């Protein structure tokens, strides 16, 4: 960890989803396409992975966790 910002990698789907909720509270995952989601994730503080290695399945997993978390609040 750097300071209190966790290091984020593509396999950290839950941590990424929570960071998206904190960073973009006005955004809704169902309104975001996969290519835009890549940009949002890469811009997160603490993201340290290679944007080129992400798969559609990883992005869908992140989007699903994000959706589940905000609808359960």
N, C-alpha and C. Protein backbone atom coordinates (compact mmCIF):
# COMPACT_ATOMS: atom_id res chain seq x y z
N UNK A 1 0.83 -1.20 0.00
CA UNK A 1 0.00 0.00 0.00
C UNK A 1 0.87 1.25 0.00
N UNK A 2 0.40 2.22 -0.73
CA UNK A 2 1.07 3.51 -0.75
C UNK A 2 0.22 4.48 0.06
N UNK A 3 0.72 4.87 1.23
CA UNK A 3 -0.10 5.70 2.11
C UNK A 3 -1.31 4.90 2.55
N UNK A 4 -2.49 5.48 2.36
CA UNK A 4 -3.70 4.72 2.69
C UNK A 4 -4.48 4.36 1.42
N UNK A 5 -3.83 4.47 0.26
CA UNK A 5 -4.45 4.09 -1.00
C UNK A 5 -3.99 2.68 -1.35
N UNK A 6 -4.92 1.73 -1.44
CA UNK A 6 -4.50 0.36 -1.77
C UNK A 6 -4.00 0.27 -3.20
N UNK A 7 -3.07 -0.66 -3.43
CA UNK A 7 -2.63 -0.92 -4.79
C UNK A 7 -3.69 -1.79 -5.46
N UNK A 8 -4.12 -1.38 -6.63
CA UNK A 8 -5.19 -2.08 -7.33
C UNK A 8 -4.65 -2.76 -8.58
N UNK A 9 -5.10 -3.99 -8.78
CA UNK A 9 -4.76 -4.78 -9.96
C UNK A 9 -6.05 -5.37 -10.50
N UNK A 10 -6.07 -5.76 -11.77
CA UNK A 10 -7.30 -6.22 -12.40
C UNK A 10 -8.00 -7.33 -11.62
N UNK A 11 -7.26 -8.23 -10.99
CA UNK A 11 -7.91 -9.33 -10.28
C UNK A 11 -8.57 -8.89 -8.97
N UNK A 12 -8.34 -7.64 -8.56
CA UNK A 12 -8.94 -7.10 -7.32
C UNK A 12 -10.31 -6.49 -7.63
N UNK A 13 -11.22 -7.31 -8.16
CA UNK A 13 -12.49 -6.77 -8.65
C UNK A 13 -13.29 -6.06 -7.56
N UNK A 14 -13.33 -6.65 -6.36
CA UNK A 14 -14.09 -6.02 -5.28
C UNK A 14 -13.47 -4.69 -4.88
N UNK A 15 -12.17 -4.66 -4.70
CA UNK A 15 -11.48 -3.41 -4.31
C UNK A 15 -11.65 -2.35 -5.39
N UNK A 16 -11.59 -2.75 -6.65
CA UNK A 16 -11.78 -1.79 -7.74
C UNK A 16 -13.21 -1.25 -7.70
N UNK A 17 -14.18 -2.13 -7.53
CA UNK A 17 -15.58 -1.68 -7.47
C UNK A 17 -15.80 -0.70 -6.34
N UNK A 18 -15.22 -0.96 -5.17
CA UNK A 18 -15.37 -0.06 -4.04
C UNK A 18 -14.68 1.28 -4.32
N UNK A 19 -13.53 1.25 -4.97
CA UNK A 19 -12.84 2.49 -5.33
C UNK A 19 -13.65 3.28 -6.35
N UNK A 20 -14.30 2.60 -7.28
CA UNK A 20 -15.16 3.29 -8.24
C UNK A 20 -16.33 3.97 -7.55
N UNK A 21 -16.92 3.29 -6.57
CA UNK A 21 -18.04 3.87 -5.80
C UNK A 21 -17.57 5.13 -5.08
N UNK A 22 -16.40 5.07 -4.46
CA UNK A 22 -15.87 6.22 -3.72
C UNK A 22 -15.45 7.36 -4.64
N UNK A 23 -14.85 7.02 -5.78
CA UNK A 23 -14.30 8.03 -6.68
C UNK A 23 -15.35 8.65 -7.59
N UNK A 24 -16.33 7.85 -7.98
CA UNK A 24 -17.36 8.31 -8.92
C UNK A 24 -18.76 8.07 -8.35
N UNK A 25 -19.09 8.70 -7.23
CA UNK A 25 -20.38 8.40 -6.57
C UNK A 25 -21.59 8.78 -7.42
N UNK A 26 -21.43 9.68 -8.36
CA UNK A 26 -22.54 10.12 -9.21
C UNK A 26 -22.75 9.20 -10.40
N UNK A 27 -21.81 8.30 -10.67
CA UNK A 27 -21.90 7.43 -11.84
C UNK A 27 -22.65 6.14 -11.51
N UNK A 28 -23.33 5.58 -12.50
CA UNK A 28 -24.06 4.32 -12.37
C UNK A 28 -23.39 3.30 -13.30
N UNK A 29 -23.06 2.13 -12.81
CA UNK A 29 -22.34 1.15 -13.64
C UNK A 29 -23.13 0.73 -14.88
N UNK A 30 -24.45 0.72 -14.79
CA UNK A 30 -25.24 0.30 -15.94
C UNK A 30 -25.22 1.32 -17.08
N UNK A 31 -24.74 2.53 -16.81
CA UNK A 31 -24.64 3.57 -17.82
C UNK A 31 -23.25 3.69 -18.44
N UNK A 32 -22.35 2.77 -18.06
CA UNK A 32 -20.96 2.86 -18.48
C UNK A 32 -20.61 1.66 -19.35
N UNK A 33 -20.06 1.94 -20.52
CA UNK A 33 -19.61 0.87 -21.41
C UNK A 33 -18.26 0.32 -20.95
N UNK A 34 -17.89 -0.81 -21.50
CA UNK A 34 -16.66 -1.46 -21.06
C UNK A 34 -15.42 -0.63 -21.37
N UNK A 35 -15.38 0.05 -22.51
CA UNK A 35 -14.20 0.86 -22.83
C UNK A 35 -14.09 2.07 -21.91
N UNK A 36 -15.22 2.66 -21.55
CA UNK A 36 -15.18 3.76 -20.59
C UNK A 36 -14.77 3.25 -19.22
N UNK A 37 -15.23 2.05 -18.87
CA UNK A 37 -14.87 1.46 -17.58
C UNK A 37 -13.36 1.29 -17.46
N UNK A 38 -12.72 0.88 -18.55
CA UNK A 38 -11.26 0.75 -18.53
C UNK A 38 -10.64 2.10 -18.15
N UNK A 39 -11.10 3.17 -18.77
CA UNK A 39 -10.55 4.50 -18.48
C UNK A 39 -10.77 4.90 -17.04
N UNK A 40 -11.96 4.61 -16.50
CA UNK A 40 -12.25 4.96 -15.11
C UNK A 40 -11.36 4.18 -14.15
N UNK A 41 -11.17 2.90 -14.42
CA UNK A 41 -10.34 2.06 -13.54
C UNK A 41 -8.88 2.50 -13.59
N UNK A 42 -8.37 2.71 -14.80
CA UNK A 42 -6.96 3.10 -14.95
C UNK A 42 -6.68 4.43 -14.25
N UNK A 43 -7.69 5.30 -14.19
CA UNK A 43 -7.51 6.61 -13.54
C UNK A 43 -7.62 6.56 -12.02
N UNK A 44 -8.01 5.41 -11.47
CA UNK A 44 -8.15 5.32 -10.01
C UNK A 44 -6.81 5.48 -9.32
N UNK A 45 -6.80 6.19 -8.18
CA UNK A 45 -5.57 6.26 -7.39
C UNK A 45 -5.18 4.85 -6.96
N UNK A 46 -3.93 4.52 -7.11
CA UNK A 46 -3.44 3.22 -6.68
C UNK A 46 -3.53 2.13 -7.73
N UNK A 47 -4.07 2.42 -8.91
CA UNK A 47 -4.14 1.38 -9.93
C UNK A 47 -2.76 1.21 -10.55
N UNK A 48 -2.26 -0.04 -10.54
CA UNK A 48 -0.88 -0.30 -10.99
C UNK A 48 -0.77 -1.43 -12.00
N UNK A 49 -1.84 -1.79 -12.67
CA UNK A 49 -1.77 -2.92 -13.60
C UNK A 49 -1.69 -2.43 -15.04
N UNK A 50 -1.45 -3.35 -15.92
CA UNK A 50 -1.32 -3.04 -17.35
C UNK A 50 -2.70 -3.00 -17.98
N UNK A 51 -3.13 -1.86 -18.51
CA UNK A 51 -4.45 -1.76 -19.13
C UNK A 51 -4.64 -2.72 -20.30
N UNK A 52 -3.56 -3.14 -20.93
CA UNK A 52 -3.65 -3.99 -22.11
C UNK A 52 -4.03 -5.44 -21.78
N UNK A 53 -3.90 -5.85 -20.53
CA UNK A 53 -4.16 -7.27 -20.21
C UNK A 53 -5.57 -7.54 -19.71
N UNK A 54 -6.39 -6.51 -19.61
CA UNK A 54 -7.75 -6.71 -19.11
C UNK A 54 -8.59 -7.45 -20.14
N UNK A 55 -9.52 -8.27 -19.63
CA UNK A 55 -10.45 -8.99 -20.50
C UNK A 55 -11.86 -8.46 -20.28
N UNK A 56 -12.73 -8.74 -21.24
CA UNK A 56 -14.14 -8.35 -21.08
C UNK A 56 -14.74 -8.97 -19.82
N UNK A 57 -14.36 -10.20 -19.52
CA UNK A 57 -14.91 -10.88 -18.34
C UNK A 57 -14.51 -10.16 -17.05
N UNK A 58 -13.29 -9.71 -16.95
CA UNK A 58 -12.86 -8.97 -15.77
C UNK A 58 -13.67 -7.68 -15.65
N UNK A 59 -13.85 -6.99 -16.76
CA UNK A 59 -14.62 -5.75 -16.74
C UNK A 59 -16.07 -6.00 -16.33
N UNK A 60 -16.65 -7.06 -16.86
CA UNK A 60 -18.03 -7.40 -16.49
C UNK A 60 -18.12 -7.76 -15.01
N UNK A 61 -17.12 -8.47 -14.50
CA UNK A 61 -17.10 -8.80 -13.08
C UNK A 61 -17.04 -7.53 -12.22
N UNK A 62 -16.19 -6.60 -12.59
CA UNK A 62 -16.09 -5.33 -11.86
C UNK A 62 -17.43 -4.60 -11.91
N UNK A 63 -18.01 -4.53 -13.09
CA UNK A 63 -19.28 -3.83 -13.26
C UNK A 63 -20.40 -4.49 -12.44
N UNK A 64 -20.42 -5.82 -12.40
CA UNK A 64 -21.43 -6.53 -11.62
C UNK A 64 -21.27 -6.29 -10.12
N UNK A 65 -20.04 -6.36 -9.64
CA UNK A 65 -19.81 -6.10 -8.21
C UNK A 65 -20.19 -4.67 -7.88
N UNK A 66 -19.81 -3.72 -8.72
CA UNK A 66 -20.16 -2.30 -8.51
C UNK A 66 -21.66 -2.16 -8.43
N UNK A 67 -22.39 -2.75 -9.36
CA UNK A 67 -23.84 -2.66 -9.38
C UNK A 67 -24.45 -3.28 -8.11
N UNK A 68 -23.98 -4.48 -7.75
CA UNK A 68 -24.50 -5.16 -6.57
C UNK A 68 -24.26 -4.33 -5.30
N UNK A 69 -23.10 -3.73 -5.21
CA UNK A 69 -22.78 -2.95 -4.02
C UNK A 69 -23.64 -1.69 -3.91
N UNK A 70 -23.86 -0.98 -5.00
CA UNK A 70 -24.63 0.26 -4.89
C UNK A 70 -26.13 0.00 -4.74
N UNK A 71 -26.60 -1.14 -5.24
CA UNK A 71 -28.02 -1.44 -5.10
C UNK A 71 -28.34 -2.04 -3.74
N UNK A 72 -27.31 -2.49 -3.02
CA UNK A 72 -27.55 -3.07 -1.69
C UNK A 72 -27.37 -2.02 -0.58
N UNK A 73 -26.97 -0.81 -0.95
CA UNK A 73 -26.77 0.25 0.06
C UNK A 73 -28.09 0.83 0.53
